Amino acid sequence: MALNGEVIVIGGGLAGSEAAWQLAERGFSVKLYEMRPEKQTGAHVSDRLGELVCSNSLGSKLADRASGVLQRELKLLRSLLMDIAEKTALPAGGALAVDREAFASKVTEVIETHPNIMLIREEVLAVPRDRPVIVASGPLTSDALTQDIISLTGQDRLYFYDAISPIVTAESIDMDIAFRANRYGRGDNEEGDYINCPMTREEYERFVEAVREAETIELRDFERDDPNFFEGCVPIEQLAARGDNTLAFGPMRPIGITDPRTGKRPYAVVQLRRDNLIGSLYNIVGFQTNIRWGQQREILRMIPGLENAEFVRMGMMHRNTFINAPTLLWSTMQFRQMSNVFFAGQITGVEGYMGNVATGLLAGLNMARQLRGEALWTPPQTTMLGALCHYVTHAEPKDFQPMKANFGILPPLATRIKSKRERYAAYSERALNDMKQAIEKLGDGYLQHITQADM
């Protein structure tokens, strides 16, 4: 039975869905607002909650990788979406990739059937000022709500651009040229989870030249004046413009790959990753682009093995909106100017799917604690969650840019370790130990759910 009062959560994406579930599980009544399908974003293609609009990879799941550390922390904190991700996972070497349709369908099912959550399909035009509310409207916040957030925060609108990779059918890939392999043979699948399209130097140079000469979709006037691409998701045409070998050292780097036809490392390689459970669709890894679709097809078919590729989704670019979190939020995700308002997800300046889930979890947990009259919880900075939330709320406001989980935002180790692998492993061990200790002090019934498997 729900507790007295209710909490409004705006946005049914990763952060909003996680926040709503965390509150509902603690007995609070939640009204979760999602404007789709009544009003679409331009990037989403369905009305499902938790839809992944870019890559289907939630990052590396390895213990000595930043995203892997955050995933383990979320398991300790009993994250709904982390649990669903593992249940809908696809083979992807050391990465946690999911069947995007199965993932979103399961998120929607759990939220819709929870007795303490009412899902309301309509656009929220303004943030309620007099009720508990979590704003998790995401990077594609509607114009009306964006304007109200500007009014609420007193900040000018900040924005950057995210680009989406194309998806092709598996049967249209020429496997006489392409081959399966993981970098350095990582992963449990000996055959390899990735499809690799190798390039000679001549093929690579022709491809780069075509990308440079391609016509891109024109931005609107206010966008054209100040295109601010997020560095972690730069379109291939922008990378190609930076130098002849930028792509070869970026998404097309051949390190750890051997072409079985030649027994040698190719000059460059294009990797494709499974995008759905049955393996009928593959997305081109790191190939976000804003090239016009007609030319895009022609250029991508220059890639060896993709000469006859059938595209089910072309690359595109869309606007992402975020607030100036260092001036507006505490590390708890609470709005400094209004204690009944919390923000979560990409609108806070946190990047990456797991970062969105994590801030949604933290906002939901802290909203519950506030409504119970308990002190808000700030995760230790030595944990990946704590470091990420601390960064986006303490960065230099003037130059604030989105940030995803990475070891560079963690406090230094007590002892210097030269080996990067050993250093990252030490960061991981410290983070998980500190998170367990923090959870023990937090209480809230977490300890009974922590098992050795979680570590």
Protein backbone atom coordinates (compact mmCIF):
# COMPACT_ATOMS: atom_id res chain seq x y z
CA MET A 1 0.00 0.00 0.00
CA ALA A 2 1.34 3.42 -0.98
CA LEU A 3 2.34 6.00 1.60
CA ASN A 4 0.37 9.22 1.92
CA GLY A 5 1.16 11.82 -0.71
CA GLU A 6 2.61 11.26 -4.14
CA VAL A 7 5.70 12.05 -6.14
CA ILE A 8 5.68 13.26 -9.72
CA VAL A 9 8.38 11.96 -12.05
CA ILE A 10 8.70 13.70 -15.41
CA GLY A 11 10.09 11.48 -18.16
CA GLY A 12 9.89 7.75 -18.80
CA GLY A 13 13.45 7.25 -20.00
CA LEU A 14 16.21 5.41 -18.17
CA ALA A 15 16.51 7.87 -15.28
CA GLY A 16 12.79 8.46 -14.84
CA SER A 17 11.88 4.78 -14.94
CA GLU A 18 14.57 3.92 -12.38
CA ALA A 19 13.59 6.82 -10.10
CA ALA A 20 9.88 5.92 -10.24
CA TRP A 21 10.57 2.26 -9.39
CA GLN A 22 12.90 3.12 -6.50
CA LEU A 23 10.21 5.33 -4.98
CA ALA A 24 7.42 2.84 -5.61
CA GLU A 25 9.40 0.01 -4.04
CA ARG A 26 9.72 2.14 -0.90
CA GLY A 27 5.95 2.48 -0.70
CA PHE A 28 5.44 5.90 -2.28
CA SER A 29 2.73 6.65 -4.81
CA VAL A 30 4.26 7.82 -8.08
CA LYS A 31 2.78 9.57 -11.09
CA LEU A 32 5.17 8.97 -13.98
CA TYR A 33 4.59 11.30 -16.93
CA GLU A 34 5.78 10.33 -20.41
CA MET A 35 4.72 12.45 -23.40
CA ARG A 36 5.25 9.70 -25.99
CA PRO A 37 3.35 8.66 -28.10
CA GLU A 38 1.17 11.77 -27.86
CA LYS A 39 4.24 13.86 -28.64
CA GLN A 40 7.37 12.34 -30.17
CA THR A 41 10.96 13.52 -29.77
CA GLY A 42 12.30 13.05 -33.29
CA ALA A 43 14.77 10.39 -32.12
CA HIS A 44 12.54 7.81 -30.41
CA VAL A 45 10.69 5.31 -32.58
CA SER A 46 8.30 3.76 -30.06
CA ASP A 47 6.21 4.57 -26.99
CA ARG A 48 8.13 2.17 -24.74
CA LEU A 49 9.77 3.33 -21.54
CA GLY A 50 13.55 3.14 -21.29
CA GLU A 51 13.97 3.15 -25.08
CA LEU A 52 17.64 3.29 -26.16
CA VAL A 53 17.94 5.76 -29.02
CA CYS A 54 21.67 5.50 -29.70
CA SER A 55 23.90 2.46 -29.20
CA ASN A 56 22.53 -0.72 -27.63
CA SER A 57 25.70 -1.08 -25.54
CA LEU A 58 25.64 -0.03 -21.89
CA GLY A 59 29.42 0.01 -21.80
CA SER A 60 32.11 -2.43 -20.75
CA LYS A 61 31.13 -4.90 -18.07
CA LEU A 62 34.73 -5.68 -17.13
CA ALA A 63 35.64 -5.08 -13.49
CA ASP A 64 38.62 -2.88 -14.39
CA ARG A 65 36.62 -0.54 -16.63
CA ALA A 66 34.78 2.54 -15.39
CA SER A 67 31.39 1.48 -16.75
CA GLY A 68 31.91 -1.99 -15.29
CA VAL A 69 32.52 -0.47 -11.86
CA LEU A 70 29.35 1.63 -12.11
CA GLN A 71 27.35 -1.42 -13.19
CA ARG A 72 28.54 -3.33 -10.12
CA GLU A 73 27.66 -0.43 -7.87
CA LEU A 74 24.17 -0.32 -9.35
CA LYS A 75 23.74 -4.02 -8.66
CA LEU A 76 24.64 -3.41 -5.02
CA LEU A 77 22.05 -0.62 -4.93
CA ARG A 78 19.37 -2.90 -6.41
CA SER A 79 18.86 -1.08 -9.70
CA LEU A 80 15.82 -2.23 -11.67
CA LEU A 81 17.26 -1.31 -15.06
CA MET A 82 20.59 -2.97 -14.34
CA ASP A 83 18.71 -6.16 -13.55
CA ILE A 84 16.68 -5.92 -16.76
CA ALA A 85 19.82 -5.19 -18.79
CA GLU A 86 21.44 -8.40 -17.60
CA LYS A 87 18.28 -10.38 -18.38
CA THR A 88 18.11 -9.01 -21.95
CA ALA A 89 21.86 -9.04 -22.64
CA LEU A 90 23.37 -10.04 -25.98
CA PRO A 91 26.81 -11.53 -26.67
CA ALA A 92 29.18 -8.56 -27.05
CA GLY A 93 32.60 -9.59 -25.78
CA GLY A 94 33.47 -7.50 -22.75
CA ALA A 95 30.53 -5.12 -23.24
CA LEU A 96 27.04 -5.21 -21.78
CA ALA A 97 24.86 -4.92 -24.87
CA VAL A 98 21.12 -5.53 -24.82
CA ASP A 99 18.32 -6.38 -27.19
CA ARG A 100 16.92 -2.86 -27.29
CA GLU A 101 13.32 -3.95 -27.95
CA ALA A 102 13.32 -6.62 -25.25
CA PHE A 103 14.94 -4.23 -22.79
CA ALA A 104 12.44 -1.41 -23.33
CA SER A 105 9.48 -3.81 -23.37
CA LYS A 106 10.48 -5.28 -20.02
CA VAL A 107 11.02 -1.83 -18.47
CA THR A 108 7.56 -0.79 -19.69
CA GLU A 109 5.95 -3.97 -18.37
CA VAL A 110 7.45 -3.62 -14.88
CA ILE A 111 6.50 0.06 -14.58
CA GLU A 112 2.97 -0.35 -15.95
CA THR A 113 2.16 -3.24 -13.61
CA HIS A 114 3.62 -1.77 -10.42
CA PRO A 115 0.75 -1.07 -7.99
CA ASN A 116 2.34 2.16 -6.73
CA ILE A 117 3.00 3.71 -10.16
CA MET A 118 0.48 5.48 -12.35
CA LEU A 119 1.82 5.97 -15.88
CA ILE A 120 0.34 9.08 -17.51
CA ARG A 121 0.85 9.59 -21.24
CA GLU A 122 0.86 13.36 -21.64
CA GLU A 123 3.30 16.23 -21.92
CA VAL A 124 4.22 18.16 -18.79
CA LEU A 125 4.42 21.84 -19.66
CA ALA A 126 5.84 23.09 -16.37
CA VAL A 127 7.65 21.75 -13.32
CA PRO A 128 5.26 21.73 -10.32
CA ARG A 129 6.53 24.16 -7.69
CA ASP A 130 4.47 22.91 -4.75
CA ARG A 131 4.85 19.10 -4.89
CA PRO A 132 7.69 16.58 -4.74
CA VAL A 133 8.97 16.16 -8.29
CA ILE A 134 11.87 14.54 -10.10
CA VAL A 135 12.70 16.07 -13.47
CA ALA A 136 14.10 13.33 -15.70
CA SER A 137 12.83 14.63 -19.01
CA GLY A 138 16.06 13.71 -20.77
CA PRO A 139 18.16 15.22 -23.50
CA LEU A 140 15.13 15.75 -25.74
CA THR A 141 13.03 17.78 -23.31
CA SER A 142 10.10 19.44 -25.08
CA ASP A 143 10.32 23.11 -25.95
CA ALA A 144 7.57 24.09 -23.50
CA LEU A 145 9.15 22.28 -20.56
CA THR A 146 12.60 23.55 -21.52
CA GLN A 147 11.33 27.11 -21.38
CA ASP A 148 9.82 26.48 -17.95
CA ILE A 149 13.09 24.96 -16.70
CA ILE A 150 14.88 28.08 -17.91
CA SER A 151 12.38 30.14 -15.92
CA LEU A 152 12.83 27.90 -12.89
CA THR A 153 16.62 27.86 -12.94
CA GLY A 154 17.30 31.33 -14.26
CA GLN A 155 19.83 29.86 -16.69
CA ASP A 156 20.22 30.30 -20.41
CA ARG A 157 19.56 27.15 -22.38
CA LEU A 158 22.59 24.90 -22.83
CA TYR A 159 22.69 22.28 -25.52
CA PHE A 160 24.90 19.88 -27.40
CA TYR A 161 24.30 17.37 -30.17
CA ASP A 162 24.25 13.60 -30.14
CA ALA A 163 24.44 11.48 -33.27
CA ILE A 164 22.99 8.03 -33.92
CA SER A 165 24.77 5.16 -35.70
CA PRO A 166 23.19 3.33 -38.66
CA ILE A 167 21.82 -0.23 -38.36
CA VAL A 168 22.06 -2.89 -41.10
CA THR A 169 20.56 -6.34 -41.55
CA ALA A 170 22.91 -9.22 -40.80
CA GLU A 171 22.01 -11.09 -43.96
CA SER A 172 23.13 -8.18 -46.13
CA ILE A 173 26.71 -8.28 -44.78
CA ASP A 174 29.16 -10.07 -47.09
CA MET A 175 30.83 -12.58 -44.77
CA ASP A 176 33.25 -13.63 -47.51
CA ILE A 177 34.93 -10.29 -46.78
CA ALA A 178 33.85 -9.46 -43.24
CA PHE A 179 34.74 -11.76 -40.35
CA ARG A 180 33.84 -12.33 -36.73
CA ALA A 181 36.32 -11.44 -34.00
CA ASN A 182 36.69 -9.59 -30.72
CA ARG A 183 39.67 -7.35 -30.07
CA TYR A 184 42.49 -9.48 -28.66
CA GLY A 185 40.10 -12.44 -28.59
CA ARG A 186 38.24 -11.13 -25.54
CA GLY A 187 34.87 -12.54 -24.57
CA ASP A 188 33.39 -15.99 -24.11
CA ASN A 189 32.48 -16.53 -27.75
CA GLU A 190 35.48 -18.00 -29.56
CA GLU A 191 33.95 -17.14 -32.92
CA GLY A 192 33.73 -13.47 -31.93
CA ASP A 193 30.80 -11.23 -31.07
CA TYR A 194 31.66 -8.44 -33.52
CA ILE A 195 31.58 -8.47 -37.31
CA ASN A 196 34.68 -6.75 -38.69
CA CYS A 197 35.05 -5.11 -42.09
CA PRO A 198 38.78 -4.71 -42.87
CA MET A 199 40.21 -1.89 -44.98
CA THR A 200 43.47 -1.43 -46.82
CA ARG A 201 45.13 1.95 -46.71
CA GLU A 202 43.83 2.82 -50.17
CA GLU A 203 40.26 1.82 -49.25
CA TYR A 204 40.48 3.82 -46.04
CA GLU A 205 41.75 6.97 -47.78
CA ARG A 206 38.99 6.82 -50.40
CA PHE A 207 36.41 6.39 -47.65
CA VAL A 208 37.71 9.34 -45.62
CA GLU A 209 37.70 11.57 -48.67
CA ALA A 210 34.10 10.63 -49.45
CA VAL A 211 33.05 11.36 -45.87
CA ARG A 212 34.75 14.77 -46.01
CA GLU A 213 33.01 15.72 -49.24
CA ALA A 214 29.57 14.50 -48.17
CA GLU A 215 26.69 16.92 -47.67
CA THR A 216 25.30 16.96 -44.14
CA ILE A 217 21.78 17.73 -42.97
CA GLU A 218 21.60 21.48 -42.39
CA LEU A 219 21.14 22.66 -38.84
CA ARG A 220 18.61 25.29 -37.89
CA ASP A 221 19.78 28.88 -37.51
CA PHE A 222 20.27 28.85 -33.73
CA GLU A 223 22.02 25.48 -34.01
CA ARG A 224 24.31 26.52 -36.84
CA ASP A 225 25.69 29.46 -34.90
CA ASP A 226 27.19 27.32 -32.15
CA PRO A 227 27.40 23.60 -32.94
CA ASN A 228 28.63 22.03 -29.70
CA PHE A 229 29.27 18.34 -30.26
CA PHE A 230 29.71 16.08 -27.26
CA GLU A 231 33.24 14.73 -27.62
CA GLY A 232 32.25 11.16 -26.82
CA CYS A 233 29.75 10.97 -29.69
CA VAL A 234 31.26 13.06 -32.50
CA PRO A 235 29.88 12.35 -36.01
CA ILE A 236 32.33 10.64 -38.37
CA GLU A 237 32.31 13.63 -40.71
CA GLN A 238 33.55 15.84 -37.88
CA LEU A 239 36.29 13.33 -37.04
CA ALA A 240 37.34 13.05 -40.69
CA ALA A 241 37.66 16.83 -40.91
CA ARG A 242 40.15 16.83 -38.04
CA GLY A 243 42.83 14.88 -39.89
CA ASP A 244 43.62 12.05 -42.29
CA ASN A 245 44.09 9.43 -39.59
CA THR A 246 41.61 10.59 -36.95
CA LEU A 247 39.13 7.84 -37.85
CA ALA A 248 41.90 5.22 -38.00
CA PHE A 249 42.84 6.13 -34.44
CA GLY A 250 39.20 6.40 -33.39
CA PRO A 251 36.22 4.17 -34.25
CA MET A 252 38.14 2.49 -37.11
CA ARG A 253 41.25 1.59 -35.11
CA PRO A 254 42.45 -1.92 -36.06
CA ILE A 255 44.31 -2.69 -32.82
CA GLY A 256 43.71 -6.24 -31.56
CA ILE A 257 42.17 -7.38 -34.86
CA THR A 258 43.72 -9.85 -37.33
CA ASP A 259 42.26 -10.41 -40.79
CA PRO A 260 42.04 -14.22 -41.20
CA ARG A 261 42.47 -13.87 -44.96
CA THR A 262 45.88 -12.24 -44.66
CA GLY A 263 46.98 -13.14 -41.15
CA LYS A 264 47.82 -9.47 -40.64
CA ARG A 265 46.26 -6.47 -38.95
CA PRO A 266 44.24 -4.39 -41.44
CA TYR A 267 45.03 -0.70 -41.93
CA ALA A 268 41.59 0.16 -40.54
CA VAL A 269 38.51 -1.77 -39.50
CA VAL A 270 34.81 -1.05 -39.19
CA GLN A 271 33.11 -3.06 -36.44
CA LEU A 272 29.44 -4.02 -36.27
CA ARG A 273 27.75 -5.12 -33.06
CA ARG A 274 24.61 -7.22 -32.70
CA ASP A 275 21.59 -5.00 -32.06
CA ASN A 276 18.86 -7.53 -31.27
CA LEU A 277 18.58 -10.91 -29.57
CA ILE A 278 18.10 -13.03 -32.69
CA GLY A 279 21.09 -11.42 -34.37
CA SER A 280 19.27 -10.16 -37.45
CA LEU A 281 20.37 -6.53 -36.97
CA TYR A 282 23.82 -5.00 -36.44
CA ASN A 283 24.78 -1.42 -35.68
CA ILE A 284 27.97 0.16 -37.01
CA VAL A 285 30.01 0.88 -33.89
CA GLY A 286 31.04 4.51 -33.43
CA PHE A 287 29.60 5.59 -36.79
CA GLN A 288 27.30 8.37 -35.63
CA THR A 289 26.70 10.67 -38.57
CA ASN A 290 24.63 13.55 -39.87
CA ILE A 291 25.37 12.91 -43.56
CA ARG A 292 22.30 13.11 -45.79
CA TRP A 293 20.72 9.70 -46.07
CA GLY A 294 21.16 9.21 -49.83
CA GLN A 295 24.90 9.90 -49.70
CA GLN A 296 25.15 8.09 -46.40
CA ARG A 297 24.05 4.83 -48.03
CA GLU A 298 26.52 5.28 -50.89
CA ILE A 299 29.45 6.08 -48.60
CA LEU A 300 28.79 3.31 -46.09
CA ARG A 301 28.55 0.83 -48.95
CA MET A 302 32.16 1.71 -49.76
CA ILE A 303 33.09 -0.28 -46.65
CA PRO A 304 34.33 -3.77 -47.65
CA GLY A 305 31.61 -6.26 -46.77
CA LEU A 306 28.85 -3.65 -46.79
CA GLU A 307 28.64 -3.16 -50.57
CA ASN A 308 25.07 -4.50 -50.54
CA ALA A 309 24.12 -3.49 -47.03
CA GLU A 310 20.43 -3.11 -46.24
CA PHE A 311 19.89 -0.24 -43.81
CA VAL A 312 17.00 -0.37 -41.36
CA ARG A 313 18.02 2.88 -39.70
CA MET A 314 20.22 5.63 -41.03
CA GLY A 315 22.47 7.79 -38.91
CA MET A 316 21.04 11.07 -37.66
CA MET A 317 21.76 13.85 -35.22
CA HIS A 318 19.48 15.34 -32.59
CA ARG A 319 19.61 18.04 -29.96
CA ASN A 320 20.40 17.21 -26.36
CA THR A 321 19.53 19.65 -23.59
CA PHE A 322 21.18 19.86 -20.17
CA ILE A 323 21.23 22.26 -17.25
CA ASN A 324 24.24 23.96 -15.71
CA ALA A 325 24.36 21.45 -12.84
CA PRO A 326 27.37 22.95 -10.98
CA THR A 327 25.32 26.05 -10.23
CA LEU A 328 21.99 24.31 -9.70
CA LEU A 329 22.34 20.91 -8.03
CA TRP A 330 23.77 19.34 -4.91
CA SER A 331 25.58 16.01 -5.24
CA THR A 332 22.37 14.37 -4.02
CA MET A 333 20.65 15.49 -7.27
CA GLN A 334 18.53 17.95 -5.29
CA PHE A 335 17.79 21.35 -6.81
CA ARG A 336 19.54 23.96 -4.66
CA GLN A 337 16.83 26.57 -5.01
CA MET A 338 13.87 24.31 -4.26
CA SER A 339 14.22 21.34 -1.91
CA ASN A 340 11.17 19.49 -3.26
CA VAL A 341 12.69 19.28 -6.76
CA PHE A 342 15.32 16.77 -7.91
CA PHE A 343 16.87 16.33 -11.35
CA ALA A 344 18.13 13.08 -12.84
CA GLY A 345 19.55 11.67 -16.04
CA GLN A 346 21.14 13.31 -19.02
CA ILE A 347 19.53 16.67 -18.35
CA THR A 348 21.95 16.97 -15.39
CA GLY A 349 24.99 16.69 -17.65
CA VAL A 350 25.66 13.04 -16.87
CA GLU A 351 26.53 11.05 -19.99
CA GLY A 352 26.13 7.36 -20.78
CA TYR A 353 23.21 5.01 -20.25
CA MET A 354 24.49 3.75 -16.91
CA GLY A 355 25.09 7.29 -15.67
CA ASN A 356 21.47 8.11 -16.45
CA VAL A 357 20.23 5.04 -14.60
CA ALA A 358 22.52 5.80 -11.66
CA THR A 359 21.35 9.39 -11.18
CA GLY A 360 17.74 8.26 -11.49
CA LEU A 361 18.35 5.74 -8.73
CA LEU A 362 20.03 8.34 -6.53
CA ALA A 363 17.29 10.91 -7.09
CA GLY A 364 14.59 8.36 -6.27
CA LEU A 365 16.41 7.14 -3.18
CA ASN A 366 17.01 10.66 -1.88
CA MET A 367 13.48 11.83 -2.60
CA ALA A 368 12.24 8.92 -0.50
CA ARG A 369 14.64 9.79 2.30
CA GLN A 370 13.55 13.41 2.27
CA LEU A 371 9.87 12.51 2.44
CA ARG A 372 10.66 10.27 5.39
CA GLY A 373 12.49 13.08 7.14
CA GLU A 374 15.87 11.37 6.78
CA ALA A 375 19.20 12.93 5.79
CA LEU A 376 19.93 12.81 2.05
CA TRP A 377 22.63 10.37 0.95
CA THR A 378 25.77 11.40 -0.90
CA PRO A 379 27.72 8.42 -2.28
CA PRO A 380 31.46 8.45 -1.44
CA GLN A 381 33.58 10.24 -4.04
CA THR A 382 35.75 7.13 -4.25
CA THR A 383 32.81 5.28 -5.82
CA MET A 384 32.02 5.76 -9.50
CA LEU A 385 28.50 6.97 -8.71
CA GLY A 386 29.78 9.40 -6.11
CA ALA A 387 32.57 10.70 -8.34
CA LEU A 388 30.21 11.21 -11.27
CA CYS A 389 27.62 13.10 -9.25
CA HIS A 390 30.33 15.15 -7.57
CA TYR A 391 31.86 16.07 -10.93
CA VAL A 392 28.69 17.32 -12.60
CA THR A 393 27.77 19.36 -9.52
CA HIS A 394 31.24 20.77 -8.82
CA ALA A 395 32.76 21.35 -12.27
CA GLU A 396 33.68 24.82 -13.47
CA PRO A 397 30.26 26.32 -14.35
CA LYS A 398 31.60 28.51 -17.16
CA ASP A 399 33.04 25.58 -19.11
CA PHE A 400 30.69 22.82 -17.94
CA GLN A 401 30.33 19.93 -20.37
CA PRO A 402 28.64 16.52 -19.98
CA MET A 403 30.70 13.78 -18.36
CA LYS A 404 30.43 10.00 -18.33
CA ALA A 405 31.87 7.49 -15.90
CA ASN A 406 35.67 7.31 -16.11
CA PHE A 407 38.59 6.72 -13.77
CA GLY A 408 39.88 10.25 -14.30
CA ILE A 409 37.16 11.71 -12.05
CA LEU A 410 38.03 9.47 -9.08
CA PRO A 411 40.28 10.75 -6.26
CA PRO A 412 43.90 9.49 -6.54
CA LEU A 413 44.86 6.24 -4.87
CA ALA A 414 46.85 6.38 -1.64
CA THR A 415 49.74 4.58 -3.37
CA ARG A 416 50.86 5.34 -6.89
CA ILE A 417 50.54 2.39 -9.29
CA LYS A 418 52.33 2.68 -12.64
CA SER A 419 50.56 -0.13 -14.47
CA LYS A 420 47.28 1.18 -15.87
CA ARG A 421 45.58 -2.21 -15.64
CA GLU A 422 46.63 -2.65 -11.99
CA ARG A 423 45.72 0.96 -11.20
CA TYR A 424 42.24 0.56 -12.65
CA ALA A 425 41.79 -2.71 -10.77
CA ALA A 426 42.73 -0.90 -7.55
CA TYR A 427 40.25 1.88 -8.31
CA SER A 428 37.58 -0.76 -8.84
CA GLU A 429 38.33 -2.62 -5.62
CA ARG A 430 38.32 0.59 -3.60
CA ALA A 431 35.07 1.78 -5.17
CA LEU A 432 33.19 -1.42 -4.48
CA ASN A 433 34.51 -1.75 -0.94
CA ASP A 434 33.60 1.85 -0.17
CA MET A 435 30.16 1.41 -1.72
CA LYS A 436 29.48 -1.64 0.44
CA GLN A 437 30.52 0.26 3.56
CA ALA A 438 28.38 3.24 2.57
CA ILE A 439 25.38 1.00 1.96
CA GLU A 440 25.88 -0.63 5.36
CA LYS A 441 25.66 2.79 7.00
CA LEU A 442 22.75 3.76 4.74
CA GLY A 443 20.66 0.80 5.83
CA ASP A 444 17.34 0.79 3.96
CA GLY A 445 17.41 -3.01 3.71
CA TYR A 446 20.23 -3.17 1.19
CA LEU A 447 22.61 -5.52 2.96
CA GLN A 448 20.36 -8.56 2.70
CA HIS A 449 20.54 -8.23 -1.09
CA ILE A 450 24.32 -8.07 -1.33
CA THR A 451 25.82 -11.42 -2.25
CA GLN A 452 29.19 -12.54 -3.51
CA ALA A 453 27.70 -12.74 -7.00
CA ASP A 454 27.10 -8.99 -6.90
CA MET A 455 30.82 -8.39 -6.61
